[in-house]
C-alpha atoms as a PDB file:
ATOM      1  CA  MET A   1     -81.982 -39.898   6.777  1.00  0.00           C
ATOM      2  CA  LYS A   2     -81.387 -43.438   6.770  1.00  0.00           C
ATOM      3  CA  THR A   3     -82.505 -46.132   9.487  1.00  0.00           C
ATOM      4  CA  PHE A   4     -80.287 -49.038   9.756  1.00  0.00           C
ATOM      5  CA  SER A   5     -81.464 -51.576  12.494  1.00  0.00           C
ATOM      6  CA  SER A   6     -82.950 -48.808  14.644  1.00  0.00           C
ATOM      7  CA  ILE A   7     -80.006 -46.445  14.220  1.00  0.00           C
ATOM      8  CA  GLU A   8     -80.296 -43.133  12.281  1.00  0.00           C
ATOM      9  CA  ILE A   9     -77.421 -42.281  10.049  1.00  0.00           C
ATOM     10  CA  SER A  10     -77.271 -38.944   8.257  1.00  0.00           C
ATOM     11  CA  CYS A  11     -74.877 -38.281   5.323  1.00  0.00           C
ATOM     12  CA  GLU A  12     -73.594 -35.467   7.587  1.00  0.00           C
ATOM     13  CA  ASP A  13     -72.773 -38.013  10.236  1.00  0.00           C
ATOM     14  CA  VAL A  14     -70.854 -40.180   7.894  1.00  0.00           C
ATOM     15  CA  TYR A  15     -68.849 -37.215   6.470  1.00  0.00           C
ATOM     16  CA  ASN A  16     -68.061 -35.957  10.171  1.00  0.00           C
ATOM     17  CA  PHE A  17     -67.047 -39.764  11.112  1.00  0.00           C
ATOM     18  CA  LYS A  18     -64.776 -39.810   7.683  1.00  0.00           C
ATOM     19  CA  GLN A  19     -63.186 -36.343   8.570  1.00  0.00           C
ATOM     20  CA  GLU A  20     -62.748 -37.406  11.964  1.00  0.00           C
ATOM     21  CA  SER A  21     -60.756 -40.460  10.989  1.00  0.00           C
ATOM     22  CA  PHE A  22     -58.631 -38.655   8.388  1.00  0.00           C
ATOM     23  CA  GLU A  23     -57.559 -35.947  10.901  1.00  0.00           C
ATOM     24  CA  TYR A  24     -56.850 -38.451  13.438  1.00  0.00           C
ATOM     25  CA  PHE A  25     -54.910 -40.423  10.561  1.00  0.00           C
ATOM     26  CA  ALA A  26     -53.168 -37.199   9.467  1.00  0.00           C
ATOM     27  CA  THR A  27     -51.983 -36.359  12.992  1.00  0.00           C
ATOM     28  CA  VAL A  28     -50.644 -40.000  13.916  1.00  0.00           C
ATOM     29  CA  VAL A  29     -48.748 -39.827  10.491  1.00  0.00           C
ATOM     30  CA  LYS A  30     -47.195 -36.372  11.192  1.00  0.00           C
ATOM     31  CA  GLN A  31     -46.334 -37.544  14.984  1.00  0.00           C
ATOM     32  CA  MET A  32     -44.374 -40.551  13.781  1.00  0.00           C
ATOM     33  CA  ASN A  33     -41.702 -38.526  12.243  1.00  0.00           C
ATOM     34  CA  SER A  34     -41.560 -36.156  15.190  1.00  0.00           C
ATOM     35  CA  TYR A  35     -40.621 -38.562  17.796  1.00  0.00           C
ATOM     36  CA  PRO A  36     -36.822 -38.114  19.198  1.00  0.00           C
ATOM     37  CA  LYS A  37     -34.794 -41.519  18.509  1.00  0.00           C
ATOM     38  CA  GLU A  38     -34.356 -41.776  22.485  1.00  0.00           C
ATOM     39  CA  THR A  39     -38.092 -42.709  22.555  1.00  0.00           C
ATOM     40  CA  VAL A  40     -39.805 -46.257  23.180  1.00  0.00           C
ATOM     41  CA  TYR A  41     -43.286 -47.555  23.009  1.00  0.00           C
ATOM     42  CA  PHE A  42     -44.845 -49.870  25.297  1.00  0.00           C
ATOM     43  CA  ILE A  43     -48.168 -51.117  25.593  1.00  0.00           C
ATOM     44  CA  SER A  44     -50.402 -53.340  27.912  1.00  0.00           C
ATOM     45  CA  TYR A  45     -53.844 -54.633  27.800  1.00  0.00           C
ATOM     46  CA  ALA A  46     -56.583 -55.317  30.728  1.00  0.00           C
ATOM     47  CA  LYS A  47     -59.913 -56.639  30.327  1.00  0.00           C
ATOM     48  CA  LEU A  48     -62.935 -54.526  29.729  1.00  0.00           C
ATOM     49  CA  PRO A  49     -65.914 -54.801  31.921  1.00  0.00           C
ATOM     50  CA  GLY A  50     -68.865 -56.456  29.793  1.00  0.00           C
ATOM     51  CA  GLU A  51     -71.374 -54.093  30.051  1.00  0.00           C
ATOM     52  CA  ILE A  52     -69.756 -51.122  28.228  1.00  0.00           C
ATOM     53  CA  PRO A  53     -70.146 -50.611  24.318  1.00  0.00           C
ATOM     54  CA  ALA A  54     -66.240 -50.919  23.789  1.00  0.00           C
ATOM     55  CA  ALA A  55     -66.566 -54.391  25.272  1.00  0.00           C
ATOM     56  CA  THR A  56     -68.525 -55.377  21.983  1.00  0.00           C
ATOM     57  CA  MET A  57     -65.489 -54.309  19.879  1.00  0.00           C
ATOM     58  CA  HIS A  58     -62.779 -55.214  21.960  1.00  0.00           C
ATOM     59  CA  ARG A  59     -62.428 -57.599  24.960  1.00  0.00           C
ATOM     60  CA  VAL A  60     -59.646 -55.519  26.410  1.00  0.00           C
ATOM     61  CA  VAL A  61     -58.441 -51.747  26.477  1.00  0.00           C
ATOM     62  CA  GLY A  62     -54.787 -51.189  25.270  1.00  0.00           C
ATOM     63  CA  ILE A  63     -52.914 -48.057  26.846  1.00  0.00           C
ATOM     64  CA  GLY A  64     -49.626 -47.324  24.891  1.00  0.00           C
ATOM     65  CA  LEU A  65     -46.975 -44.860  26.331  1.00  0.00           C
ATOM     66  CA  ILE A  66     -44.277 -43.327  24.405  1.00  0.00           C
ATOM     67  CA  ILE A  67     -41.437 -42.886  26.831  1.00  0.00           C
ATOM     68  CA  HIS A  68     -38.422 -40.646  26.302  1.00  0.00           C
ATOM     69  CA  GLN A  69     -35.900 -43.513  27.587  1.00  0.00           C
ATOM     70  CA  GLU A  70     -33.249 -40.849  28.836  1.00  0.00           C
ATOM     71  CA  THR A  71     -35.571 -38.627  30.788  1.00  0.00           C
ATOM     72  CA  GLY A  72     -38.400 -40.856  31.485  1.00  0.00           C
ATOM     73  CA  GLU A  73     -41.161 -38.163  30.206  1.00  0.00           C
ATOM     74  CA  ILE A  74     -44.386 -39.610  28.849  1.00  0.00           C
ATOM     75  CA  LEU A  75     -44.352 -37.872  25.363  1.00  0.00           C
ATOM     76  CA  ASP A  76     -47.448 -39.269  24.088  1.00  0.00           C
ATOM     77  CA  VAL A  77     -50.361 -41.889  24.771  1.00  0.00           C
ATOM     78  CA  SER A  78     -52.350 -44.323  22.607  1.00  0.00           C
ATOM     79  CA  CYS A  79     -55.596 -45.673  23.958  1.00  0.00           C
ATOM     80  CA  THR A  80     -58.260 -48.177  22.352  1.00  0.00           C
ATOM     81  CA  LEU A  81     -61.175 -46.460  23.932  1.00  0.00           C
ATOM     82  CA  LEU A  82     -64.082 -46.101  21.691  1.00  0.00           C
ATOM     83  CA  THR A  83     -64.576 -42.070  22.074  1.00  0.00           C
ATOM     84  CA  ARG A  84     -62.189 -39.446  20.965  1.00  0.00           C
ATOM     85  CA  GLU A  85     -63.196 -37.558  24.117  1.00  0.00           C
ATOM     86  CA  ALA A  86     -61.870 -40.536  26.298  1.00  0.00           C
ATOM     87  CA  ARG A  87     -58.825 -40.946  24.479  1.00  0.00           C
ATOM     88  CA  GLU A  88     -58.044 -37.498  24.236  1.00  0.00           C
ATOM     89  CA  PHE A  89     -58.874 -36.745  27.868  1.00  0.00           C
ATOM     90  CA  LEU A  90     -56.346 -39.569  28.963  1.00  0.00           C
ATOM     91  CA  LYS A  91     -53.672 -38.426  26.815  1.00  0.00           C
ATOM     92  CA  ALA A  92     -54.175 -34.950  28.524  1.00  0.00           C
ATOM     93  CA  VAL A  93     -53.778 -36.578  31.993  1.00  0.00           C
ATOM     94  CA  LEU A  94     -50.831 -39.084  31.523  1.00  0.00           C
ATOM     95  CA  GLN A  95     -48.651 -36.613  28.897  1.00  0.00           C
ATOM     96  CA  GLY A  96     -45.786 -34.918  30.426  1.00  0.00           C
ATOM     97  CA  HIS A  97     -45.612 -37.042  33.761  1.00  0.00           C
ATOM     98  CA  ASN A  98     -42.238 -38.520  34.393  1.00  0.00           C
ATOM     99  CA  VAL A  99     -42.168 -42.315  34.986  1.00  0.00           C
ATOM    100  CA  HIS A 100     -38.800 -41.996  36.367  1.00  0.00           C
ATOM    101  CA  GLU A 101     -39.485 -39.470  38.873  1.00  0.00           C
ATOM    102  CA  GLU A 102     -42.918 -40.338  39.798  1.00  0.00           C
ATOM    103  CA  GLU A 103     -44.146 -43.724  41.242  1.00  0.00           C
ATOM    104  CA  SER A 104     -46.403 -45.672  38.801  1.00  0.00           C
ATOM    105  CA  GLU A 105     -49.080 -45.851  41.944  1.00  0.00           C
ATOM    106  CA  ALA A 106     -49.115 -41.993  41.743  1.00  0.00           C
ATOM    107  CA  ILE A 107     -49.751 -41.608  38.113  1.00  0.00           C
ATOM    108  CA  VAL A 108     -52.485 -44.564  38.447  1.00  0.00           C
ATOM    109  CA  GLU A 109     -53.802 -42.413  41.129  1.00  0.00           C
ATOM    110  CA  LEU A 110     -54.452 -39.575  38.553  1.00  0.00           C
ATOM    111  CA  ILE A 111     -56.400 -41.528  36.458  1.00  0.00           C
ATOM    112  CA  ARG A 112     -58.593 -43.032  39.679  1.00  0.00           C
ATOM    113  CA  SER A 113     -59.294 -39.311  40.453  1.00  0.00           C
ATOM    114  CA  ARG A 114     -59.893 -37.869  37.332  1.00  0.00           C
ATOM    115  CA  TYR A 115     -61.279 -40.553  34.808  1.00  0.00           C
ATOM    116  CA  HIS A 116     -64.622 -41.841  35.772  1.00  0.00           C
ATOM    117  CA  GLY A 117     -65.487 -44.064  33.204  1.00  0.00           C
ATOM    118  CA  LEU A 118     -66.639 -47.832  33.467  1.00  0.00           C
ATOM    119  CA  ALA A 119     -63.486 -48.767  32.134  1.00  0.00           C
ATOM    120  CA  GLN A 120     -61.166 -47.068  34.938  1.00  0.00           C
ATOM    121  CA  LYS A 121     -60.071 -50.089  36.612  1.00  0.00           C
ATOM    122  CA  ALA A 122     -58.900 -51.613  33.105  1.00  0.00           C
ATOM    123  CA  VAL A 123     -57.136 -48.009  32.062  1.00  0.00           C
ATOM    124  CA  CYS A 124     -55.363 -48.319  35.601  1.00  0.00           C
ATOM    125  CA  VAL A 125     -54.297 -51.880  34.971  1.00  0.00           C
ATOM    126  CA  ALA A 126     -52.774 -51.205  31.839  1.00  0.00           C
ATOM    127  CA  VAL A 127     -51.099 -47.817  32.370  1.00  0.00           C
ATOM    128  CA  LYS A 128     -49.461 -49.648  35.476  1.00  0.00           C
ATOM    129  CA  GLY A 129     -48.664 -52.566  32.825  1.00  0.00           C
ATOM    130  CA  SER A 130     -47.235 -50.427  30.824  1.00  0.00           C
ATOM    131  CA  ILE A 131     -44.940 -48.778  33.092  1.00  0.00           C
ATOM    132  CA  GLU A 132     -43.711 -51.632  34.533  1.00  0.00           C
ATOM    133  CA  ARG A 133     -43.065 -53.466  31.043  1.00  0.00           C
ATOM    134  CA  TYR A 134     -41.008 -50.102  30.371  1.00  0.00           C
ATOM    135  CA  PHE A 135     -38.966 -50.509  33.587  1.00  0.00           C
ATOM    136  CA  GLN A 136     -38.454 -54.414  33.089  1.00  0.00           C
ATOM    137  CA  TRP A 137     -37.109 -53.561  29.729  1.00  0.00           C
ATOM    138  CA  LYS A 138     -35.164 -50.465  31.035  1.00  0.00           C
ATOM    139  CA  ASN A 139     -33.438 -52.871  33.719  1.00  0.00           C
ATOM    140  CA  SER A 140     -32.817 -55.718  31.671  1.00  0.00           C
ATOM    141  CA  GLY A 141     -30.143 -53.522  29.701  1.00  0.00           C
ATOM    142  CA  GLN A 142     -32.477 -52.134  27.267  1.00  0.00           C
ATOM    143  CA  SER A 143     -32.182 -54.966  24.969  1.00  0.00           C
ATOM    144  CA  THR A 144     -33.750 -54.471  21.511  1.00  0.00           C
ATOM    145  CA  GLU A 145     -34.843 -57.731  20.983  1.00  0.00           C
ATOM    146  CA  PRO A 146     -38.103 -58.957  21.996  1.00  0.00           C
ATOM    147  CA  VAL A 147     -38.187 -61.396  24.791  1.00  0.00           C
ATOM    148  CA  LEU A 148     -40.196 -64.483  23.803  1.00  0.00           C
ATOM    149  CA  ASN A 149     -41.948 -66.777  26.612  1.00  0.00           C
ATOM    150  CA  ASP A 150     -42.100 -70.312  26.739  1.00  0.00           C
ATOM    151  CA  LYS A 151     -45.322 -70.123  25.192  1.00  0.00           C
ATOM    152  CA  GLU A 152     -44.232 -68.182  21.710  1.00  0.00           C
ATOM    153  CA  SER A 153     -40.756 -70.114  21.418  1.00  0.00           C
END
């Protein structure tokens, strides 16, 4: 066991981290090829509270939704929260819901009632933002060209 800046790290910890990272990467690669061509991906960000560990690495949380554009079903969820458990929990809460049939506020309320981490407000803002971006895109004629705002052009 080695100690670095008051943090104890064992070889087993390093192995488990590498193994977990490899398994996550393998899952992502596998899923990349399994999404139907009718799916779209939208991500939004919201500022994290400064007192949580994730804020030291990221100032914002990103929530990405893979949505089947014909049915409105959320097929998959990505999240930049630090712990695997938080990412998997939010995915389990959101996956399978339908943005065409459910109000975005009802979907956000699911998060409020089930996820009680300090990042709750930021996660809710980001989820709502992703759903809003999806509907803006859908209602604009489903343009595949990115829309640049004045600052980007």
